[in-house]
């Protein structure tokens, strides 16, 4: 089969109706994507005064070598756009949790650096984050299904990110 016909067959398969199980999964995933982030964010904001986005930035910086990351790498690690990561870091900087520094070898680039107060905030929020993750998600997954679900969701996330990267690069051939 030619590449053109093969591509058309793939498109037809992708557009085929969902099976009952696929539909169930898709609808559950849709509800999950809308409800869980809001609940986790509410839990963190009420208990710790920081949003889940703030927490993600602080944790990624806390886990980074030297407590610092290039802004572009921090954006990728948190799945935020460059403009969004700039706004979040600027807000955290205003609260004394993060500071910005010029990149050592690239004068155009900036680095986000976790402050002592930022590290303390991340550490203080960690127990609440764990409790919220358990209450909102993990307690609802049977222990014997955790590994399989984690692997499946990782494959979905990885595949989606690869597709987005190809789209961003203009390579829609795959």
N, C-alpha and C. Protein backbone atom coordinates (compact mmCIF):
# COMPACT_ATOMS: atom_id res chain seq x y z
N UNK A 1 0.85 -1.17 0.00
CA UNK A 1 0.00 0.00 0.00
C UNK A 1 0.89 1.23 0.00
N UNK A 2 0.52 2.23 -0.78
CA UNK A 2 1.33 3.44 -0.85
C UNK A 2 1.22 4.20 0.48
N UNK A 3 2.20 5.09 0.71
CA UNK A 3 2.20 5.88 1.94
C UNK A 3 0.94 6.72 2.04
N UNK A 4 0.46 7.25 0.90
CA UNK A 4 -0.75 8.08 0.89
C UNK A 4 -1.96 7.25 1.30
N UNK A 5 -2.10 6.05 0.70
CA UNK A 5 -3.24 5.19 1.04
C UNK A 5 -3.15 4.71 2.48
N UNK A 6 -1.93 4.39 2.93
CA UNK A 6 -1.73 3.95 4.31
C UNK A 6 -2.12 5.06 5.28
N UNK A 7 -1.75 6.28 4.97
CA UNK A 7 -2.12 7.42 5.81
C UNK A 7 -3.62 7.60 5.87
N UNK A 8 -4.29 7.42 4.74
CA UNK A 8 -5.75 7.54 4.70
C UNK A 8 -6.40 6.44 5.52
N UNK A 9 -5.84 5.22 5.44
CA UNK A 9 -6.39 4.11 6.24
C UNK A 9 -6.20 4.39 7.73
N UNK A 10 -5.04 4.93 8.11
CA UNK A 10 -4.82 5.28 9.52
C UNK A 10 -5.81 6.33 9.98
N UNK A 11 -6.09 7.31 9.12
CA UNK A 11 -7.04 8.37 9.47
C UNK A 11 -8.44 7.80 9.63
N UNK A 12 -8.81 6.87 8.75
CA UNK A 12 -10.13 6.25 8.84
C UNK A 12 -10.25 5.44 10.12
N UNK A 13 -9.20 4.69 10.47
CA UNK A 13 -9.21 3.92 11.72
C UNK A 13 -9.33 4.85 12.92
N UNK A 14 -8.63 5.95 12.89
CA UNK A 14 -8.66 6.90 14.01
C UNK A 14 -10.03 7.55 14.16
N UNK A 15 -10.75 7.71 13.05
CA UNK A 15 -12.06 8.36 13.10
C UNK A 15 -13.21 7.37 13.34
N UNK A 16 -12.90 6.08 13.41
CA UNK A 16 -13.94 5.07 13.64
C UNK A 16 -14.60 5.30 15.00
N UNK A 17 -15.86 4.91 15.14
CA UNK A 17 -16.53 5.07 16.43
C UNK A 17 -15.76 4.36 17.55
N UNK A 18 -15.87 4.91 18.74
CA UNK A 18 -15.22 4.31 19.90
C UNK A 18 -16.03 3.10 20.37
N UNK A 19 -15.30 2.09 20.83
CA UNK A 19 -15.99 0.95 21.43
C UNK A 19 -16.59 1.39 22.76
N UNK A 20 -17.43 0.57 23.35
CA UNK A 20 -18.05 0.91 24.63
C UNK A 20 -16.98 1.14 25.71
N UNK A 21 -15.95 0.28 25.73
CA UNK A 21 -14.88 0.46 26.73
C UNK A 21 -14.07 1.71 26.45
N UNK A 22 -13.78 1.98 25.18
CA UNK A 22 -13.04 3.19 24.84
C UNK A 22 -13.85 4.44 25.23
N UNK A 23 -15.14 4.41 24.98
CA UNK A 23 -16.01 5.53 25.33
C UNK A 23 -16.03 5.75 26.84
N UNK A 24 -16.13 4.66 27.59
CA UNK A 24 -16.13 4.74 29.05
C UNK A 24 -14.83 5.37 29.55
N UNK A 25 -13.70 4.88 29.02
CA UNK A 25 -12.40 5.43 29.40
C UNK A 25 -12.29 6.90 29.01
N UNK A 26 -12.71 7.23 27.80
CA UNK A 26 -12.56 8.59 27.32
C UNK A 26 -13.38 9.57 28.16
N UNK A 27 -14.60 9.18 28.50
CA UNK A 27 -15.44 10.06 29.31
C UNK A 27 -14.90 10.19 30.74
N UNK A 28 -14.43 9.10 31.30
CA UNK A 28 -13.85 9.14 32.64
C UNK A 28 -12.60 10.02 32.65
N UNK A 29 -11.78 9.90 31.62
CA UNK A 29 -10.58 10.72 31.53
C UNK A 29 -10.95 12.20 31.39
N UNK A 30 -11.99 12.48 30.63
CA UNK A 30 -12.44 13.87 30.49
C UNK A 30 -12.89 14.45 31.82
N UNK A 31 -13.67 13.68 32.58
CA UNK A 31 -14.09 14.15 33.91
C UNK A 31 -12.88 14.35 34.81
N UNK A 32 -11.98 13.38 34.77
CA UNK A 32 -10.77 13.44 35.60
C UNK A 32 -9.95 14.70 35.28
N UNK A 33 -9.78 14.99 34.00
CA UNK A 33 -8.97 16.15 33.60
C UNK A 33 -9.59 17.47 34.03
N UNK A 34 -10.89 17.52 34.18
CA UNK A 34 -11.55 18.75 34.58
C UNK A 34 -11.68 18.89 36.09
N UNK A 35 -11.96 17.80 36.77
CA UNK A 35 -12.25 17.86 38.20
C UNK A 35 -11.00 17.79 39.07
N UNK A 36 -10.13 16.84 38.82
CA UNK A 36 -9.00 16.61 39.72
C UNK A 36 -8.06 17.81 39.83
N UNK A 37 -7.64 18.42 38.73
CA UNK A 37 -6.75 19.58 38.90
C UNK A 37 -7.35 20.68 39.76
N UNK A 38 -8.63 20.93 39.58
CA UNK A 38 -9.29 21.97 40.37
C UNK A 38 -9.31 21.60 41.85
N UNK A 39 -9.62 20.34 42.15
CA UNK A 39 -9.66 19.91 43.55
C UNK A 39 -8.27 19.94 44.19
N UNK A 40 -7.27 19.46 43.47
CA UNK A 40 -5.90 19.48 44.00
C UNK A 40 -5.45 20.92 44.24
N UNK A 41 -5.77 21.79 43.31
CA UNK A 41 -5.39 23.19 43.45
C UNK A 41 -6.09 23.82 44.65
N UNK A 42 -7.38 23.54 44.81
CA UNK A 42 -8.11 24.06 45.97
C UNK A 42 -7.50 23.56 47.28
N UNK A 43 -7.18 22.25 47.32
CA UNK A 43 -6.58 21.68 48.53
C UNK A 43 -5.28 22.40 48.88
N UNK A 44 -4.42 22.58 47.89
CA UNK A 44 -3.11 23.20 48.15
C UNK A 44 -3.25 24.67 48.52
N UNK A 45 -4.11 25.37 47.82
CA UNK A 45 -4.27 26.81 48.08
C UNK A 45 -4.82 27.04 49.49
N UNK A 46 -5.81 26.25 49.87
CA UNK A 46 -6.39 26.41 51.22
C UNK A 46 -5.40 26.05 52.32
N UNK A 47 -4.70 24.94 52.13
CA UNK A 47 -3.83 24.45 53.20
C UNK A 47 -2.48 25.15 53.25
N UNK A 48 -1.95 25.56 52.10
CA UNK A 48 -0.57 26.03 52.05
C UNK A 48 -0.40 27.44 51.47
N UNK A 49 -1.44 27.95 50.84
CA UNK A 49 -1.33 29.27 50.24
C UNK A 49 -0.58 29.29 48.93
N UNK A 50 -0.34 28.12 48.35
CA UNK A 50 0.28 28.06 47.03
C UNK A 50 -0.56 27.16 46.14
N UNK A 51 -0.58 27.48 44.87
CA UNK A 51 -1.34 26.69 43.91
C UNK A 51 -0.54 25.45 43.51
N UNK A 52 -1.20 24.54 42.82
CA UNK A 52 -0.50 23.36 42.31
C UNK A 52 0.57 23.76 41.30
N UNK A 53 0.31 24.80 40.52
CA UNK A 53 1.31 25.28 39.57
C UNK A 53 2.52 25.81 40.31
N UNK A 54 2.28 26.61 41.35
CA UNK A 54 3.39 27.11 42.17
C UNK A 54 4.18 25.95 42.75
N UNK A 55 3.45 24.97 43.28
CA UNK A 55 4.11 23.81 43.90
C UNK A 55 4.94 23.06 42.87
N UNK A 56 4.41 22.87 41.66
CA UNK A 56 5.17 22.17 40.62
C UNK A 56 6.47 22.90 40.30
N UNK A 57 6.42 24.21 40.23
CA UNK A 57 7.63 25.00 39.97
C UNK A 57 8.62 24.83 41.11
N UNK A 58 8.13 24.98 42.35
CA UNK A 58 9.02 24.87 43.51
C UNK A 58 9.65 23.49 43.61
N UNK A 59 8.86 22.44 43.39
CA UNK A 59 9.39 21.07 43.48
C UNK A 59 10.42 20.80 42.39
N UNK A 60 10.13 21.24 41.17
CA UNK A 60 11.10 21.02 40.09
C UNK A 60 12.41 21.74 40.37
N UNK A 61 12.33 22.93 40.93
CA UNK A 61 13.55 23.64 41.30
C UNK A 61 14.25 22.95 42.47
N UNK A 62 13.48 22.46 43.45
CA UNK A 62 14.07 21.78 44.60
C UNK A 62 14.81 20.52 44.19
N UNK A 63 14.33 19.87 43.14
CA UNK A 63 14.94 18.62 42.69
C UNK A 63 16.07 18.85 41.68
N UNK A 64 16.23 20.08 41.20
CA UNK A 64 17.24 20.39 40.19
C UNK A 64 18.61 20.58 40.84
N UNK A 65 19.62 20.27 40.08
CA UNK A 65 20.99 20.48 40.55
C UNK A 65 21.21 21.97 40.82
N UNK A 66 21.70 22.28 41.99
CA UNK A 66 21.95 23.66 42.36
C UNK A 66 20.68 24.47 42.60
N UNK A 67 19.55 23.79 42.71
CA UNK A 67 18.25 24.44 42.93
C UNK A 67 17.93 25.47 41.86
N UNK A 68 18.34 25.20 40.63
CA UNK A 68 18.16 26.15 39.53
C UNK A 68 17.90 25.42 38.23
N UNK A 69 17.09 26.06 37.39
CA UNK A 69 16.80 25.54 36.06
C UNK A 69 16.66 26.71 35.09
N UNK A 70 17.09 26.48 33.86
CA UNK A 70 16.80 27.46 32.80
C UNK A 70 15.30 27.58 32.69
N UNK A 71 14.83 28.75 32.38
CA UNK A 71 13.39 28.98 32.28
C UNK A 71 12.76 28.04 31.25
N UNK A 72 13.42 27.81 30.15
CA UNK A 72 12.87 26.93 29.11
C UNK A 72 12.76 25.50 29.63
N UNK A 73 13.72 25.06 30.43
CA UNK A 73 13.68 23.71 30.99
C UNK A 73 12.61 23.61 32.09
N UNK A 74 12.45 24.66 32.85
CA UNK A 74 11.41 24.69 33.88
C UNK A 74 10.02 24.66 33.23
N UNK A 75 9.87 25.38 32.14
CA UNK A 75 8.60 25.36 31.41
C UNK A 75 8.30 23.94 30.93
N UNK A 76 9.29 23.27 30.37
CA UNK A 76 9.08 21.90 29.88
C UNK A 76 8.78 20.95 31.03
N UNK A 77 9.49 21.09 32.13
CA UNK A 77 9.29 20.20 33.28
C UNK A 77 7.91 20.33 33.90
N UNK A 78 7.34 21.52 33.82
CA UNK A 78 6.03 21.78 34.42
C UNK A 78 4.90 21.76 33.40
N UNK A 79 5.24 21.53 32.13
CA UNK A 79 4.27 21.52 31.03
C UNK A 79 3.55 22.86 30.91
N UNK A 80 4.27 23.94 31.16
CA UNK A 80 3.73 25.28 31.00
C UNK A 80 4.35 25.96 29.79
N UNK A 81 3.63 26.87 29.19
CA UNK A 81 4.17 27.62 28.07
C UNK A 81 5.26 28.58 28.57
N UNK A 82 6.13 29.01 27.70
CA UNK A 82 7.16 29.97 28.13
C UNK A 82 6.57 31.24 28.76
N UNK A 83 5.49 31.75 28.19
CA UNK A 83 4.91 32.97 28.77
C UNK A 83 4.27 32.68 30.13
N UNK A 84 3.65 31.52 30.28
CA UNK A 84 3.03 31.18 31.57
C UNK A 84 4.09 30.97 32.65
N UNK A 85 5.20 30.27 32.31
CA UNK A 85 6.24 30.03 33.31
C UNK A 85 6.85 31.36 33.75
N UNK A 86 6.97 32.29 32.83
CA UNK A 86 7.50 33.61 33.17
C UNK A 86 6.59 34.29 34.19
N UNK A 87 5.28 34.25 33.95
CA UNK A 87 4.34 34.88 34.88
C UNK A 87 4.38 34.20 36.25
N UNK A 88 4.43 32.87 36.27
CA UNK A 88 4.45 32.15 37.55
C UNK A 88 5.73 32.46 38.31
N UNK A 89 6.86 32.40 37.64
CA UNK A 89 8.14 32.68 38.30
C UNK A 89 8.18 34.12 38.80
N UNK A 90 7.67 35.04 38.00
CA UNK A 90 7.65 36.44 38.45
C UNK A 90 6.79 36.61 39.70
N UNK A 91 5.66 35.91 39.76
CA UNK A 91 4.79 35.98 40.94
C UNK A 91 5.50 35.35 42.15
N UNK A 92 6.15 34.22 41.95
CA UNK A 92 6.90 33.57 43.04
C UNK A 92 8.08 34.43 43.47
N UNK A 93 8.68 35.10 42.53
CA UNK A 93 9.78 36.01 42.85
C UNK A 93 9.28 37.15 43.72
N UNK A 94 8.10 37.66 43.43
CA UNK A 94 7.51 38.72 44.23
C UNK A 94 7.24 38.29 45.66
N UNK A 95 7.08 37.00 45.86
CA UNK A 95 6.83 36.46 47.21
C UNK A 95 8.12 35.98 47.87
N UNK A 96 9.26 36.16 47.19
CA UNK A 96 10.55 35.79 47.76
C UNK A 96 10.85 34.30 47.71
N UNK A 97 10.11 33.53 46.91
CA UNK A 97 10.30 32.08 46.85
C UNK A 97 11.27 31.66 45.75
N UNK A 98 11.44 32.51 44.77
CA UNK A 98 12.30 32.23 43.61
C UNK A 98 12.99 33.53 43.25
N UNK A 99 14.16 33.42 42.68
CA UNK A 99 14.81 34.59 42.09
C UNK A 99 15.23 34.23 40.68
N UNK A 100 15.47 35.23 39.87
CA UNK A 100 15.94 35.01 38.51
C UNK A 100 17.39 35.45 38.42
N UNK A 101 18.14 34.73 37.60
CA UNK A 101 19.53 35.08 37.37
C UNK A 101 19.82 34.89 35.89
N UNK A 102 20.79 35.62 35.37
CA UNK A 102 21.16 35.39 33.96
C UNK A 102 21.82 34.02 33.82
N UNK A 103 21.64 33.40 32.68
CA UNK A 103 22.29 32.12 32.42
C UNK A 103 23.78 32.36 32.27
N UNK A 104 24.59 31.49 32.84
CA UNK A 104 26.04 31.67 32.87
C UNK A 104 26.66 31.75 31.48
N UNK A 105 26.18 30.94 30.53
CA UNK A 105 26.82 30.91 29.22
C UNK A 105 25.95 31.44 28.09
N UNK A 106 24.70 31.77 28.37
CA UNK A 106 23.80 32.28 27.35
C UNK A 106 23.16 33.56 27.87
N UNK A 107 23.68 34.69 27.44
CA UNK A 107 23.21 35.97 27.92
C UNK A 107 21.74 36.24 27.65
N UNK A 108 21.16 35.52 26.67
CA UNK A 108 19.75 35.72 26.36
C UNK A 108 18.85 34.94 27.30
N UNK A 109 19.41 33.90 27.93
CA UNK A 109 18.60 33.01 28.76
C UNK A 109 18.60 33.41 30.22
N UNK A 110 17.52 33.06 30.89
CA UNK A 110 17.41 33.32 32.33
C UNK A 110 17.28 31.99 33.06
N UNK A 111 17.65 32.02 34.31
CA UNK A 111 17.60 30.84 35.17
C UNK A 111 16.72 31.19 36.37
N UNK A 112 15.85 30.28 36.72
CA UNK A 112 15.06 30.43 37.95
C UNK A 112 15.82 29.71 39.05
N UNK A 113 15.96 30.37 40.19
CA UNK A 113 16.72 29.83 41.32
C UNK A 113 15.80 29.81 42.54
N UNK A 114 15.74 28.67 43.19
CA UNK A 114 14.92 28.52 44.39
C UNK A 114 15.61 29.19 45.57
N UNK A 115 14.89 30.01 46.30
CA UNK A 115 15.44 30.64 47.49
C UNK A 115 15.25 29.71 48.69
N UNK A 116 15.87 30.07 49.81
CA UNK A 116 15.67 29.30 51.04
C UNK A 116 14.19 29.28 51.44
N UNK A 117 13.52 30.42 51.30
CA UNK A 117 12.09 30.47 51.61
C UNK A 117 11.28 29.59 50.66
N UNK A 118 11.69 29.54 49.39
CA UNK A 118 11.01 28.69 48.42
C UNK A 118 11.19 27.22 48.73
N UNK A 119 12.38 26.85 49.15
CA UNK A 119 12.63 25.47 49.54
C UNK A 119 11.80 25.11 50.77
N UNK A 120 11.75 26.02 51.72
CA UNK A 120 10.94 25.79 52.92
C UNK A 120 9.46 25.66 52.56
N UNK A 121 8.98 26.47 51.63
CA UNK A 121 7.57 26.40 51.20
C UNK A 121 7.28 25.07 50.52
N UNK A 122 8.19 24.61 49.67
CA UNK A 122 8.00 23.33 48.99
C UNK A 122 7.97 22.19 50.00
N UNK A 123 8.88 22.23 50.95
CA UNK A 123 8.92 21.17 51.98
C UNK A 123 7.68 21.20 52.86
N UNK A 124 7.22 22.39 53.20
CA UNK A 124 6.02 22.52 54.05
C UNK A 124 4.77 22.05 53.32
N UNK A 125 4.72 22.23 52.01
CA UNK A 125 3.54 21.85 51.22
C UNK A 125 3.52 20.37 50.87
N UNK A 126 4.65 19.72 50.94
CA UNK A 126 4.74 18.32 50.51
C UNK A 126 3.77 17.39 51.23
N UNK A 127 3.63 17.45 52.55
CA UNK A 127 2.65 16.54 53.20
C UNK A 127 1.22 16.78 52.72
N UNK A 128 0.83 18.04 52.52
CA UNK A 128 -0.51 18.33 52.02
C UNK A 128 -0.68 17.80 50.60
N UNK A 129 0.35 17.95 49.79
CA UNK A 129 0.29 17.45 48.42
C UNK A 129 0.09 15.93 48.41
N UNK A 130 0.85 15.25 49.23
CA UNK A 130 0.71 13.79 49.32
C UNK A 130 -0.69 13.39 49.79
N UNK A 131 -1.18 14.06 50.83
CA UNK A 131 -2.51 13.74 51.37
C UNK A 131 -3.59 13.99 50.32
N UNK A 132 -3.47 15.08 49.60
CA UNK A 132 -4.45 15.40 48.57
C UNK A 132 -4.37 14.39 47.42
N UNK A 133 -3.17 14.03 47.01
CA UNK A 133 -3.01 13.04 45.94
C UNK A 133 -3.64 11.71 46.33
N UNK A 134 -3.43 11.32 47.59
CA UNK A 134 -4.02 10.06 48.05
C UNK A 134 -5.55 10.16 48.09
N UNK A 135 -6.05 11.20 48.72
CA UNK A 135 -7.50 11.35 48.90
C UNK A 135 -8.23 11.51 47.57
N UNK A 136 -7.66 12.28 46.65
CA UNK A 136 -8.34 12.60 45.40
C UNK A 136 -8.15 11.55 44.30
N UNK A 137 -7.03 10.80 44.35
CA UNK A 137 -6.73 9.89 43.25
C UNK A 137 -6.31 8.50 43.73
N UNK A 138 -5.21 8.41 44.43
CA UNK A 138 -4.58 7.12 44.72
C UNK A 138 -5.45 6.17 45.52
N UNK A 139 -6.23 6.69 46.46
CA UNK A 139 -7.10 5.83 47.26
C UNK A 139 -8.21 5.18 46.44
N UNK A 140 -8.42 5.67 45.23
CA UNK A 140 -9.48 5.15 44.37
C UNK A 140 -8.97 4.12 43.36
N UNK A 141 -7.68 3.82 43.41
CA UNK A 141 -7.09 2.85 42.49
C UNK A 141 -6.63 1.65 43.31
N UNK A 142 -7.14 0.47 42.99
CA UNK A 142 -6.68 -0.73 43.72
C UNK A 142 -5.16 -0.89 43.61
N UNK A 143 -4.54 -1.28 44.71
CA UNK A 143 -3.08 -1.39 44.77
C UNK A 143 -2.52 -2.27 43.66
N UNK A 144 -3.24 -3.35 43.34
CA UNK A 144 -2.73 -4.26 42.31
C UNK A 144 -2.85 -3.68 40.90
N UNK A 145 -3.50 -2.52 40.74
CA UNK A 145 -3.64 -1.89 39.43
C UNK A 145 -2.78 -0.62 39.28
N UNK A 146 -2.12 -0.22 40.36
CA UNK A 146 -1.34 1.03 40.32
C UNK A 146 -0.25 1.00 39.26
N UNK A 147 0.54 -0.04 39.21
CA UNK A 147 1.66 -0.10 38.27
C UNK A 147 1.16 -0.06 36.83
N UNK A 148 0.14 -0.85 36.51
CA UNK A 148 -0.38 -0.89 35.15
C UNK A 148 -0.98 0.45 34.75
N UNK A 149 -1.73 1.08 35.65
CA UNK A 149 -2.33 2.37 35.35
C UNK A 149 -1.24 3.43 35.17
N UNK A 150 -0.23 3.41 36.03
CA UNK A 150 0.87 4.37 35.92
C UNK A 150 1.58 4.21 34.57
N UNK A 151 1.84 2.98 34.17
CA UNK A 151 2.50 2.74 32.88
C UNK A 151 1.63 3.20 31.72
N UNK A 152 0.34 2.91 31.77
CA UNK A 152 -0.56 3.30 30.69
C UNK A 152 -0.64 4.83 30.58
N UNK A 153 -0.81 5.51 31.70
CA UNK A 153 -0.91 6.96 31.67
C UNK A 153 0.41 7.60 31.24
N UNK A 154 1.53 6.99 31.62
CA UNK A 154 2.83 7.50 31.17
C UNK A 154 2.96 7.37 29.66
N UNK A 155 2.50 6.25 29.10
CA UNK A 155 2.54 6.08 27.64
C UNK A 155 1.67 7.13 26.95
N UNK A 156 0.49 7.40 27.52
CA UNK A 156 -0.38 8.43 26.95
C UNK A 156 0.31 9.78 27.01
N UNK A 157 0.85 10.14 28.16
CA UNK A 157 1.52 11.44 28.31
C UNK A 157 2.71 11.56 27.38
N UNK A 158 3.52 10.52 27.30
CA UNK A 158 4.70 10.55 26.44
C UNK A 158 4.30 10.66 24.97
N UNK A 159 3.31 9.88 24.56
CA UNK A 159 2.85 9.94 23.17
C UNK A 159 2.25 11.28 22.83
N UNK A 160 1.49 11.85 23.76
CA UNK A 160 0.88 13.15 23.53
C UNK A 160 1.94 14.23 23.43
N UNK A 161 2.94 14.18 24.30
CA UNK A 161 4.01 15.17 24.26
C UNK A 161 4.82 15.06 22.97
N UNK A 162 5.07 13.82 22.52
CA UNK A 162 5.78 13.63 21.25
C UNK A 162 4.98 14.21 20.09
N UNK A 163 3.68 13.95 20.08
CA UNK A 163 2.81 14.48 19.03
C UNK A 163 2.83 16.00 19.04
N UNK A 164 2.77 16.60 20.24
CA UNK A 164 2.78 18.06 20.35
C UNK A 164 4.11 18.61 19.87
N UNK A 165 5.21 17.95 20.21
CA UNK A 165 6.53 18.42 19.77
C UNK A 165 6.62 18.38 18.25
N UNK A 166 6.13 17.31 17.63
CA UNK A 166 6.15 17.23 16.16
C UNK A 166 5.28 18.33 15.56
N UNK A 167 4.12 18.59 16.17
CA UNK A 167 3.24 19.65 15.70
C UNK A 167 3.94 21.00 15.82
N UNK A 168 4.56 21.25 16.98
CA UNK A 168 5.26 22.52 17.20
C UNK A 168 6.40 22.71 16.21
N UNK A 169 7.04 21.59 15.83
CA UNK A 169 8.15 21.66 14.88
C UNK A 169 7.68 21.66 13.43
N UNK A 170 6.37 21.49 13.22
CA UNK A 170 5.85 21.50 11.86
C UNK A 170 5.96 20.16 11.16
N UNK A 171 6.31 19.08 11.87
CA UNK A 171 6.46 17.76 11.29
C UNK A 171 5.21 16.95 11.57
N UNK A 172 4.25 16.98 10.66
CA UNK A 172 3.00 16.27 10.85
C UNK A 172 2.99 14.97 10.06
N UNK A 173 4.15 14.54 9.60
CA UNK A 173 4.21 13.34 8.76
C UNK A 173 4.08 12.05 9.56
N UNK A 174 4.27 12.10 10.89
CA UNK A 174 4.18 10.87 11.68
C UNK A 174 3.01 10.89 12.60
